[in-house]
N, C-alpha and C. Protein backbone atom coordinates (compact mmCIF):
# COMPACT_ATOMS: atom_id res chain seq x y z
N MET A 1 98.75 80.99 97.53
CA MET A 1 97.75 81.39 98.51
C MET A 1 98.10 82.77 99.04
N TRP A 2 97.11 83.59 99.22
CA TRP A 2 97.30 84.95 99.72
C TRP A 2 97.71 84.91 101.17
N ARG A 3 98.75 85.64 101.52
CA ARG A 3 99.18 85.75 102.91
C ARG A 3 98.94 87.16 103.36
N ARG A 4 98.79 87.33 104.65
CA ARG A 4 98.54 88.65 105.21
C ARG A 4 99.68 89.59 104.85
N PRO A 5 99.39 90.88 104.64
CA PRO A 5 100.42 91.85 104.24
C PRO A 5 101.59 91.92 105.21
N GLN A 6 101.39 91.59 106.50
CA GLN A 6 102.49 91.64 107.45
C GLN A 6 103.60 90.68 107.05
N ASN A 7 103.26 89.61 106.33
CA ASN A 7 104.24 88.61 105.98
C ASN A 7 104.86 88.84 104.60
N LEU A 8 104.42 89.85 103.89
CA LEU A 8 104.94 90.10 102.55
C LEU A 8 106.15 91.02 102.62
N MET A 9 107.10 90.75 101.80
CA MET A 9 108.24 91.64 101.65
C MET A 9 108.01 92.45 100.38
N PRO A 10 108.33 93.74 100.38
CA PRO A 10 108.15 94.54 99.18
C PRO A 10 109.01 94.00 98.03
N ALA A 11 108.42 93.91 96.86
CA ALA A 11 109.14 93.38 95.71
C ALA A 11 110.04 94.43 95.07
N GLN A 12 109.75 95.68 95.31
CA GLN A 12 110.55 96.72 94.69
C GLN A 12 110.47 97.99 95.54
N THR A 13 111.46 98.84 95.36
CA THR A 13 111.40 100.13 96.03
C THR A 13 110.80 101.13 95.07
N THR A 14 110.49 102.31 95.58
CA THR A 14 109.87 103.31 94.71
C THR A 14 110.83 103.78 93.64
N SER A 15 112.12 103.75 93.91
CA SER A 15 113.06 104.16 92.87
C SER A 15 113.01 103.18 91.71
N GLN A 16 112.61 101.93 91.98
CA GLN A 16 112.46 100.94 90.93
C GLN A 16 111.06 100.97 90.33
N ALA A 17 110.12 101.61 91.02
CA ALA A 17 108.73 101.58 90.58
C ALA A 17 108.53 102.40 89.32
N GLY A 18 109.35 103.43 89.15
CA GLY A 18 109.43 104.29 87.99
C GLY A 18 108.21 104.50 87.11
N THR A 19 107.98 103.66 86.15
CA THR A 19 107.00 103.94 85.12
C THR A 19 105.60 103.51 85.52
N LYS A 20 104.63 104.12 84.82
CA LYS A 20 103.22 103.75 85.04
C LYS A 20 102.99 102.28 84.73
N ALA A 21 103.65 101.79 83.71
CA ALA A 21 103.47 100.39 83.32
C ALA A 21 103.95 99.46 84.43
N GLN A 22 105.07 99.79 85.05
CA GLN A 22 105.59 98.96 86.16
C GLN A 22 104.66 99.03 87.37
N ILE A 23 104.15 100.22 87.65
CA ILE A 23 103.22 100.37 88.78
C ILE A 23 101.95 99.58 88.49
N ARG A 24 101.45 99.72 87.30
CA ARG A 24 100.22 99.00 86.92
C ARG A 24 100.42 97.49 87.02
N GLU A 25 101.56 97.01 86.55
CA GLU A 25 101.86 95.58 86.61
C GLU A 25 101.87 95.08 88.06
N ALA A 26 102.48 95.86 88.95
CA ALA A 26 102.52 95.48 90.36
C ALA A 26 101.12 95.53 90.98
N VAL A 27 100.32 96.53 90.61
CA VAL A 27 98.95 96.64 91.13
C VAL A 27 98.13 95.44 90.68
N VAL A 28 98.26 95.06 89.41
CA VAL A 28 97.52 93.90 88.91
C VAL A 28 97.96 92.63 89.64
N ARG A 29 99.25 92.48 89.90
CA ARG A 29 99.75 91.32 90.63
C ARG A 29 99.15 91.26 92.04
N LEU A 30 99.14 92.39 92.73
CA LEU A 30 98.57 92.44 94.08
C LEU A 30 97.06 92.24 94.06
N PHE A 31 96.41 92.79 93.04
CA PHE A 31 94.97 92.62 92.87
C PHE A 31 94.63 91.15 92.67
N GLU A 32 95.37 90.48 91.82
CA GLU A 32 95.13 89.05 91.56
C GLU A 32 95.37 88.22 92.82
N ALA A 33 96.35 88.60 93.61
CA ALA A 33 96.63 87.87 94.85
C ALA A 33 95.52 88.07 95.88
N ALA A 34 94.88 89.21 95.87
CA ALA A 34 93.86 89.53 96.89
C ALA A 34 92.46 89.10 96.48
N ARG A 35 92.20 88.96 95.21
CA ARG A 35 90.83 88.71 94.77
C ARG A 35 90.41 87.27 94.98
N GLN A 36 89.13 87.08 95.07
CA GLN A 36 88.57 85.77 95.33
C GLN A 36 88.66 84.86 94.11
N SER A 37 88.37 85.39 92.94
CA SER A 37 88.38 84.61 91.70
C SER A 37 89.65 84.93 90.93
N LYS A 38 90.71 84.18 91.20
CA LYS A 38 92.01 84.44 90.59
C LYS A 38 91.96 84.25 89.08
N GLY A 39 92.52 85.20 88.35
CA GLY A 39 92.64 85.09 86.91
C GLY A 39 91.37 85.34 86.12
N GLY A 40 90.30 85.69 86.79
CA GLY A 40 89.05 85.95 86.08
C GLY A 40 89.07 87.31 85.40
N ASP A 41 88.08 87.52 84.55
CA ASP A 41 87.94 88.80 83.87
C ASP A 41 87.49 89.87 84.86
N TYR A 42 87.87 91.10 84.59
CA TYR A 42 87.41 92.23 85.39
C TYR A 42 87.38 93.48 84.53
N ASP A 43 86.57 94.42 84.96
CA ASP A 43 86.42 95.69 84.26
C ASP A 43 87.39 96.68 84.90
N SER A 44 88.35 97.18 84.14
CA SER A 44 89.36 98.07 84.72
C SER A 44 88.77 99.41 85.17
N ASP A 45 87.56 99.74 84.69
CA ASP A 45 86.92 100.97 85.14
C ASP A 45 86.31 100.84 86.53
N ARG A 46 86.15 99.62 87.01
CA ARG A 46 85.64 99.39 88.37
C ARG A 46 86.27 98.11 88.94
N PHE A 47 87.61 98.04 88.84
CA PHE A 47 88.32 96.81 89.19
C PHE A 47 88.18 96.43 90.66
N LEU A 48 88.03 97.39 91.56
CA LEU A 48 87.91 97.07 92.98
C LEU A 48 86.64 96.25 93.26
N ALA A 49 85.61 96.45 92.46
CA ALA A 49 84.37 95.68 92.64
C ALA A 49 84.60 94.20 92.37
N PHE A 50 85.67 93.85 91.66
CA PHE A 50 85.93 92.47 91.29
C PHE A 50 86.84 91.75 92.27
N LEU A 51 87.05 92.31 93.45
CA LEU A 51 87.81 91.61 94.49
C LEU A 51 87.03 90.41 95.02
N THR A 52 85.71 90.46 94.98
CA THR A 52 84.89 89.34 95.43
C THR A 52 84.36 88.56 94.24
N GLU A 53 83.95 87.33 94.50
CA GLU A 53 83.48 86.42 93.44
C GLU A 53 82.31 87.01 92.67
N VAL A 54 81.31 87.46 93.35
CA VAL A 54 80.23 88.16 92.68
C VAL A 54 80.52 89.65 92.87
N PRO A 55 80.97 90.33 91.81
CA PRO A 55 81.33 91.74 91.99
C PRO A 55 80.11 92.58 92.35
N ALA A 56 80.39 93.71 92.97
CA ALA A 56 79.32 94.65 93.28
C ALA A 56 78.59 94.97 91.97
N PRO A 57 77.26 94.95 91.98
CA PRO A 57 76.53 95.15 90.73
C PRO A 57 76.71 96.54 90.12
N THR A 58 76.92 97.53 90.96
CA THR A 58 77.12 98.89 90.46
C THR A 58 78.25 99.54 91.23
N GLY A 59 78.76 100.59 90.70
CA GLY A 59 79.79 101.36 91.38
C GLY A 59 81.19 100.79 91.23
N LYS A 60 82.14 101.54 91.74
CA LYS A 60 83.55 101.19 91.61
C LYS A 60 84.11 100.53 92.86
N ARG A 61 83.31 100.42 93.91
CA ARG A 61 83.78 99.86 95.17
C ARG A 61 83.43 98.39 95.27
N VAL A 62 84.16 97.70 96.13
CA VAL A 62 83.89 96.30 96.41
C VAL A 62 82.53 96.17 97.11
N ALA A 63 81.90 95.01 96.96
CA ALA A 63 80.61 94.78 97.61
C ALA A 63 80.72 95.07 99.10
N ASP A 64 79.70 95.69 99.65
CA ASP A 64 79.71 96.10 101.05
C ASP A 64 79.34 94.90 101.94
N THR A 65 80.29 93.97 102.05
CA THR A 65 80.13 92.79 102.88
C THR A 65 81.40 92.61 103.70
N PHE A 66 81.34 91.72 104.69
CA PHE A 66 82.55 91.45 105.47
C PHE A 66 83.64 90.88 104.58
N ARG A 67 83.27 89.95 103.70
CA ARG A 67 84.24 89.35 102.79
C ARG A 67 84.84 90.39 101.86
N GLY A 68 83.99 91.25 101.31
CA GLY A 68 84.47 92.29 100.41
C GLY A 68 85.39 93.26 101.12
N ARG A 69 85.00 93.67 102.31
CA ARG A 69 85.83 94.62 103.07
C ARG A 69 87.18 94.00 103.42
N ARG A 70 87.17 92.73 103.82
CA ARG A 70 88.41 92.05 104.19
C ARG A 70 89.37 91.98 102.99
N ARG A 71 88.84 91.64 101.83
CA ARG A 71 89.70 91.56 100.64
C ARG A 71 90.21 92.94 100.22
N PHE A 72 89.35 93.94 100.35
CA PHE A 72 89.74 95.31 100.02
C PHE A 72 90.87 95.79 100.94
N VAL A 73 90.74 95.54 102.23
CA VAL A 73 91.77 95.96 103.18
C VAL A 73 93.08 95.24 102.90
N ARG A 74 93.03 93.94 102.64
CA ARG A 74 94.25 93.20 102.31
C ARG A 74 94.93 93.77 101.07
N PHE A 75 94.14 94.09 100.06
CA PHE A 75 94.69 94.65 98.84
C PHE A 75 95.34 96.01 99.10
N MET A 76 94.62 96.90 99.76
CA MET A 76 95.15 98.25 100.02
C MET A 76 96.38 98.19 100.91
N ASP A 77 96.37 97.34 101.93
CA ASP A 77 97.53 97.18 102.80
C ASP A 77 98.74 96.70 102.01
N ALA A 78 98.53 95.71 101.14
CA ALA A 78 99.63 95.19 100.33
C ALA A 78 100.19 96.25 99.39
N VAL A 79 99.31 97.07 98.81
CA VAL A 79 99.76 98.14 97.91
C VAL A 79 100.58 99.16 98.69
N GLN A 80 100.12 99.54 99.87
CA GLN A 80 100.87 100.52 100.68
C GLN A 80 102.27 100.01 101.01
N ILE A 81 102.39 98.75 101.40
CA ILE A 81 103.70 98.19 101.73
C ILE A 81 104.55 98.06 100.47
N GLU A 82 103.97 97.60 99.39
CA GLU A 82 104.70 97.41 98.13
C GLU A 82 105.36 98.71 97.66
N PHE A 83 104.61 99.80 97.68
CA PHE A 83 105.11 101.06 97.13
C PHE A 83 105.62 102.02 98.19
N GLY A 84 105.47 101.69 99.46
CA GLY A 84 105.93 102.59 100.51
C GLY A 84 105.13 103.87 100.57
N VAL A 85 103.81 103.75 100.34
CA VAL A 85 102.92 104.90 100.38
C VAL A 85 101.89 104.68 101.48
N CYS A 86 101.21 105.74 101.84
CA CYS A 86 100.12 105.63 102.81
C CYS A 86 98.94 106.42 102.26
N PHE A 87 97.84 105.73 102.06
CA PHE A 87 96.66 106.38 101.50
C PHE A 87 95.91 107.14 102.58
N SER A 88 95.29 108.23 102.18
CA SER A 88 94.47 109.02 103.09
C SER A 88 93.13 108.33 103.29
N ASN A 89 92.36 108.80 104.26
CA ASN A 89 91.02 108.26 104.48
C ASN A 89 90.14 108.44 103.25
N GLU A 90 90.31 109.56 102.56
CA GLU A 90 89.54 109.81 101.35
C GLU A 90 89.89 108.78 100.27
N ASP A 91 91.17 108.41 100.17
CA ASP A 91 91.58 107.39 99.21
C ASP A 91 90.92 106.05 99.53
N TRP A 92 90.84 105.72 100.81
CA TRP A 92 90.24 104.45 101.22
C TRP A 92 88.74 104.42 100.91
N ASP A 93 88.09 105.58 100.97
CA ASP A 93 86.64 105.63 100.76
C ASP A 93 86.24 105.77 99.30
N ARG A 94 87.18 106.06 98.45
CA ARG A 94 86.87 106.36 97.05
C ARG A 94 86.98 105.11 96.18
N GLY A 95 86.14 105.04 95.19
CA GLY A 95 86.25 104.00 94.17
C GLY A 95 87.15 104.50 93.05
N PHE A 96 88.06 103.67 92.59
CA PHE A 96 89.01 104.07 91.56
C PHE A 96 88.85 103.20 90.32
N THR A 97 89.16 103.78 89.16
CA THR A 97 89.43 102.96 87.99
C THR A 97 90.89 102.54 88.12
N MET A 98 91.31 101.58 87.32
CA MET A 98 92.70 101.13 87.38
C MET A 98 93.65 102.29 87.08
N ASP A 99 93.34 103.08 86.06
CA ASP A 99 94.21 104.20 85.69
C ASP A 99 94.26 105.25 86.80
N GLU A 100 93.12 105.56 87.39
CA GLU A 100 93.09 106.53 88.50
C GLU A 100 93.90 106.03 89.69
N PHE A 101 93.81 104.73 89.95
CA PHE A 101 94.53 104.16 91.08
C PHE A 101 96.04 104.22 90.86
N VAL A 102 96.48 103.91 89.65
CA VAL A 102 97.92 103.99 89.31
C VAL A 102 98.40 105.44 89.44
N GLU A 103 97.59 106.39 88.97
CA GLU A 103 97.96 107.81 89.10
C GLU A 103 98.03 108.24 90.57
N ARG A 104 97.10 107.73 91.39
CA ARG A 104 97.11 108.07 92.82
C ARG A 104 98.37 107.53 93.49
N ILE A 105 98.78 106.33 93.11
CA ILE A 105 100.02 105.76 93.66
C ILE A 105 101.21 106.60 93.23
N GLU A 106 101.25 107.00 91.96
CA GLU A 106 102.34 107.87 91.48
C GLU A 106 102.39 109.17 92.28
N MET A 107 101.22 109.75 92.52
CA MET A 107 101.14 110.98 93.29
C MET A 107 101.67 110.77 94.71
N ARG A 108 101.29 109.65 95.32
CA ARG A 108 101.74 109.36 96.69
C ARG A 108 103.24 109.07 96.73
N ILE A 109 103.76 108.40 95.72
CA ILE A 109 105.20 108.11 95.66
C ILE A 109 105.99 109.41 95.57
N ALA A 110 105.45 110.39 94.86
CA ALA A 110 106.14 111.67 94.67
C ALA A 110 106.23 112.48 95.96
N LYS A 111 105.46 112.10 96.99
CA LYS A 111 105.45 112.85 98.26
C LYS A 111 105.77 111.92 99.43
N PRO A 112 107.04 111.48 99.53
CA PRO A 112 107.39 110.52 100.59
C PRO A 112 107.24 111.08 102.01
N ALA A 113 107.47 112.37 102.19
CA ALA A 113 107.34 112.95 103.53
C ALA A 113 105.88 112.90 103.99
N GLU A 114 104.96 113.17 103.06
CA GLU A 114 103.55 113.10 103.39
C GLU A 114 103.14 111.67 103.73
N ALA A 115 103.68 110.71 102.98
CA ALA A 115 103.38 109.29 103.24
C ALA A 115 103.86 108.90 104.64
N HIS A 116 105.04 109.37 105.01
CA HIS A 116 105.57 109.04 106.34
C HIS A 116 104.73 109.68 107.44
N ARG A 117 104.30 110.92 107.24
CA ARG A 117 103.44 111.58 108.24
C ARG A 117 102.12 110.82 108.41
N LEU A 118 101.52 110.44 107.29
CA LEU A 118 100.27 109.68 107.36
C LEU A 118 100.48 108.33 108.06
N ALA A 119 101.59 107.67 107.76
CA ALA A 119 101.89 106.38 108.39
C ALA A 119 102.09 106.55 109.90
N GLN A 120 102.76 107.63 110.30
CA GLN A 120 102.94 107.89 111.73
C GLN A 120 101.60 108.15 112.42
N ARG A 121 100.71 108.85 111.75
CA ARG A 121 99.38 109.08 112.31
C ARG A 121 98.62 107.76 112.46
N ARG A 122 98.73 106.88 111.45
CA ARG A 122 98.10 105.56 111.54
C ARG A 122 98.66 104.76 112.71
N LEU A 123 99.96 104.88 112.94
CA LEU A 123 100.58 104.17 114.06
C LEU A 123 100.06 104.70 115.39
N GLN A 124 99.91 106.02 115.52
CA GLN A 124 99.36 106.59 116.75
C GLN A 124 97.93 106.11 116.98
N GLU A 125 97.12 106.09 115.91
CA GLU A 125 95.74 105.61 116.03
C GLU A 125 95.72 104.13 116.43
N ALA A 126 96.61 103.34 115.84
CA ALA A 126 96.67 101.91 116.16
C ALA A 126 97.11 101.70 117.61
N ARG A 127 98.02 102.53 118.09
CA ARG A 127 98.49 102.43 119.48
C ARG A 127 97.34 102.71 120.45
N VAL A 128 96.54 103.72 120.15
CA VAL A 128 95.39 104.04 121.00
C VAL A 128 94.37 102.90 120.96
N SER A 129 94.09 102.37 119.77
CA SER A 129 93.14 101.27 119.64
C SER A 129 93.62 100.02 120.36
N LEU A 130 94.92 99.78 120.33
CA LEU A 130 95.48 98.61 121.00
C LEU A 130 95.23 98.65 122.50
N LYS A 131 95.22 99.84 123.06
CA LYS A 131 94.96 99.99 124.49
C LYS A 131 93.46 100.07 124.79
N ASP A 132 92.73 100.82 124.01
CA ASP A 132 91.33 101.13 124.34
C ASP A 132 90.32 100.06 123.95
N GLU A 133 90.47 99.49 122.78
CA GLU A 133 89.45 98.57 122.26
C GLU A 133 89.26 97.31 123.12
N PRO A 134 90.34 96.61 123.52
CA PRO A 134 90.11 95.43 124.37
C PRO A 134 89.43 95.78 125.70
N VAL A 135 89.79 96.93 126.26
CA VAL A 135 89.16 97.35 127.52
C VAL A 135 87.69 97.65 127.28
N LYS A 136 87.40 98.37 126.20
CA LYS A 136 86.02 98.72 125.88
C LYS A 136 85.16 97.46 125.68
N PHE A 137 85.65 96.52 124.88
CA PHE A 137 84.88 95.30 124.64
C PHE A 137 84.82 94.43 125.90
N GLY A 138 85.88 94.44 126.68
CA GLY A 138 85.86 93.70 127.94
C GLY A 138 84.79 94.25 128.87
N LEU A 139 84.68 95.57 128.95
CA LEU A 139 83.65 96.18 129.81
C LEU A 139 82.24 95.97 129.25
N LEU A 140 82.10 96.04 127.93
CA LEU A 140 80.78 95.84 127.33
C LEU A 140 80.27 94.41 127.53
N THR A 141 81.18 93.49 127.62
CA THR A 141 80.77 92.08 127.79
C THR A 141 80.87 91.63 129.24
N ILE A 142 81.03 92.55 130.17
CA ILE A 142 81.10 92.21 131.59
C ILE A 142 79.83 91.49 132.09
N PRO A 143 78.66 91.75 131.51
CA PRO A 143 77.50 90.96 131.94
C PRO A 143 77.70 89.45 131.78
N LEU A 144 78.51 89.04 130.82
CA LEU A 144 78.82 87.61 130.69
C LEU A 144 79.54 87.10 131.93
N LEU A 145 80.47 87.88 132.44
CA LEU A 145 81.19 87.46 133.66
C LEU A 145 80.27 87.48 134.87
N ILE A 146 79.40 88.46 134.94
CA ILE A 146 78.45 88.52 136.06
C ILE A 146 77.53 87.30 136.01
N ALA A 147 77.06 86.98 134.83
CA ALA A 147 76.21 85.80 134.68
C ALA A 147 76.97 84.53 135.02
N ALA A 148 78.25 84.48 134.66
CA ALA A 148 79.07 83.30 134.96
C ALA A 148 79.20 83.10 136.46
N VAL A 149 79.28 84.18 137.21
CA VAL A 149 79.39 84.07 138.67
C VAL A 149 78.03 83.76 139.29
N ALA A 150 76.97 84.32 138.74
CA ALA A 150 75.65 84.20 139.34
C ALA A 150 74.95 82.87 139.02
N LEU A 151 75.25 82.29 137.89
CA LEU A 151 74.53 81.08 137.50
C LEU A 151 75.11 79.85 138.18
N HIS A 152 74.25 78.88 138.34
CA HIS A 152 74.63 77.70 139.12
C HIS A 152 75.40 76.63 138.35
N PRO A 153 74.94 76.16 137.20
CA PRO A 153 75.66 75.03 136.58
C PRO A 153 77.09 75.44 136.22
N ILE A 154 78.04 74.63 136.61
CA ILE A 154 79.45 74.94 136.40
C ILE A 154 79.78 75.01 134.91
N TRP A 155 79.14 74.15 134.10
CA TRP A 155 79.43 74.16 132.67
C TRP A 155 79.00 75.47 132.04
N LEU A 156 77.91 76.07 132.54
CA LEU A 156 77.45 77.36 132.02
C LEU A 156 78.40 78.48 132.44
N ARG A 157 78.90 78.41 133.65
CA ARG A 157 79.90 79.39 134.11
C ARG A 157 81.14 79.36 133.23
N ILE A 158 81.60 78.15 132.97
CA ILE A 158 82.81 77.99 132.15
C ILE A 158 82.55 78.50 130.73
N LEU A 159 81.40 78.15 130.16
CA LEU A 159 81.05 78.59 128.82
C LEU A 159 81.00 80.12 128.71
N LEU A 160 80.34 80.77 129.64
CA LEU A 160 80.25 82.23 129.61
C LEU A 160 81.62 82.89 129.81
N GLY A 161 82.42 82.31 130.69
CA GLY A 161 83.78 82.83 130.88
C GLY A 161 84.62 82.70 129.63
N LEU A 162 84.49 81.55 128.94
CA LEU A 162 85.23 81.34 127.70
C LEU A 162 84.77 82.29 126.58
N ILE A 163 83.47 82.55 126.54
CA ILE A 163 82.94 83.52 125.56
C ILE A 163 83.54 84.90 125.82
N TRP A 164 83.57 85.31 127.08
CA TRP A 164 84.13 86.62 127.43
C TRP A 164 85.60 86.68 127.03
N ILE A 165 86.36 85.64 127.35
CA ILE A 165 87.78 85.60 126.99
C ILE A 165 87.94 85.62 125.46
N GLY A 166 87.08 84.88 124.76
CA GLY A 166 87.15 84.84 123.30
C GLY A 166 86.90 86.19 122.65
N VAL A 167 85.88 86.89 123.12
CA VAL A 167 85.56 88.21 122.56
C VAL A 167 86.70 89.19 122.82
N THR A 168 87.12 89.27 124.06
CA THR A 168 88.18 90.21 124.42
C THR A 168 89.50 89.84 123.74
N GLY A 169 89.80 88.56 123.69
CA GLY A 169 91.03 88.10 123.05
C GLY A 169 91.04 88.37 121.55
N THR A 170 89.91 88.16 120.90
CA THR A 170 89.81 88.42 119.46
C THR A 170 90.05 89.89 119.16
N VAL A 171 89.45 90.76 119.96
CA VAL A 171 89.65 92.20 119.77
C VAL A 171 91.11 92.56 120.00
N LEU A 172 91.74 91.98 121.00
CA LEU A 172 93.15 92.24 121.28
C LEU A 172 94.03 91.77 120.13
N ILE A 173 93.77 90.59 119.61
CA ILE A 173 94.57 90.06 118.50
C ILE A 173 94.41 90.93 117.25
N ALA A 174 93.18 91.31 116.93
CA ALA A 174 92.94 92.15 115.75
C ALA A 174 93.65 93.49 115.87
N ASN A 175 93.60 94.09 117.05
CA ASN A 175 94.27 95.39 117.23
C ASN A 175 95.78 95.25 117.26
N THR A 176 96.30 94.13 117.74
CA THR A 176 97.74 93.89 117.71
C THR A 176 98.22 93.76 116.28
N ARG A 177 97.46 93.06 115.44
CA ARG A 177 97.83 92.95 114.02
C ARG A 177 97.83 94.32 113.35
N GLY A 178 96.82 95.13 113.64
CA GLY A 178 96.77 96.47 113.07
C GLY A 178 97.95 97.32 113.51
N TYR A 179 98.34 97.18 114.77
CA TYR A 179 99.48 97.93 115.30
C TYR A 179 100.78 97.49 114.62
N LYS A 180 100.97 96.19 114.48
CA LYS A 180 102.19 95.69 113.83
C LYS A 180 102.25 96.13 112.37
N TYR A 181 101.10 96.11 111.69
CA TYR A 181 101.08 96.58 110.30
C TYR A 181 101.45 98.06 110.25
N ALA A 182 100.92 98.86 111.14
CA ALA A 182 101.22 100.30 111.16
C ALA A 182 102.71 100.53 111.42
N GLN A 183 103.32 99.71 112.27
CA GLN A 183 104.76 99.81 112.50
C GLN A 183 105.54 99.52 111.22
N ARG A 184 105.12 98.48 110.49
CA ARG A 184 105.79 98.14 109.23
C ARG A 184 105.64 99.26 108.21
N LEU A 185 104.45 99.87 108.18
CA LEU A 185 104.21 100.95 107.23
C LEU A 185 105.07 102.16 107.55
N VAL A 186 105.21 102.48 108.82
CA VAL A 186 106.09 103.59 109.22
C VAL A 186 107.52 103.28 108.82
N ALA A 187 107.98 102.07 109.08
CA ALA A 187 109.34 101.70 108.71
C ALA A 187 109.54 101.74 107.20
N ARG A 188 108.54 101.34 106.46
CA ARG A 188 108.63 101.31 104.99
C ARG A 188 108.69 102.72 104.41
N THR A 189 108.03 103.67 105.07
CA THR A 189 108.03 105.04 104.57
C THR A 189 109.12 105.90 105.21
N ALA A 190 109.84 105.37 106.19
CA ALA A 190 110.78 106.18 106.99
C ALA A 190 112.00 106.62 106.23
N ASP A 191 112.46 105.86 105.26
CA ASP A 191 113.71 106.22 104.60
C ASP A 191 113.58 107.38 103.61
N GLY A 192 112.34 107.86 103.44
CA GLY A 192 112.14 109.03 102.57
C GLY A 192 112.05 108.70 101.10
N THR A 193 112.26 107.44 100.75
CA THR A 193 112.10 107.04 99.36
C THR A 193 110.79 106.33 99.13
N GLY A 194 110.02 106.14 100.20
CA GLY A 194 108.71 105.51 100.06
C GLY A 194 108.71 104.06 100.28
């Protein structure tokens, strides 16, 4: 069963990653772990589209759905931790063939200082989101609390209060996970070997 990238330990260091064949083998392993249909056929020219059960009909990217995005993020996060690299925003937005993706990883491995800088930037962004997002969503959903105070039936007050806590708590948990992942990525890239 696929586990969140925060719980995965890297199987190899970049000094062991060496050859394209080894990198490709690790990418395929991570891809199989992240995809919905394990062991199924896929087109290596648009392999990211096959992360979901029904692949995107066209293009190299995963289907633009919540499920597709979630699987794509899990895959990319696992690859970054595995190889000690940090992809740029352009890398995240681009569709890759399997060969292009392996070459991009090789390129990122060759520049460990750049990977560490990018990881530190991701950590700063995650730190800001950890503080700002729960407050923003808490304020946006403040009408729920106002309604909870203004309405008469106690069960409705409790329900609206629980909804407000649920929304704000979910945002806090999601941002905490992102922050912890960014910390792991910085630590993984900190030794200069990726």
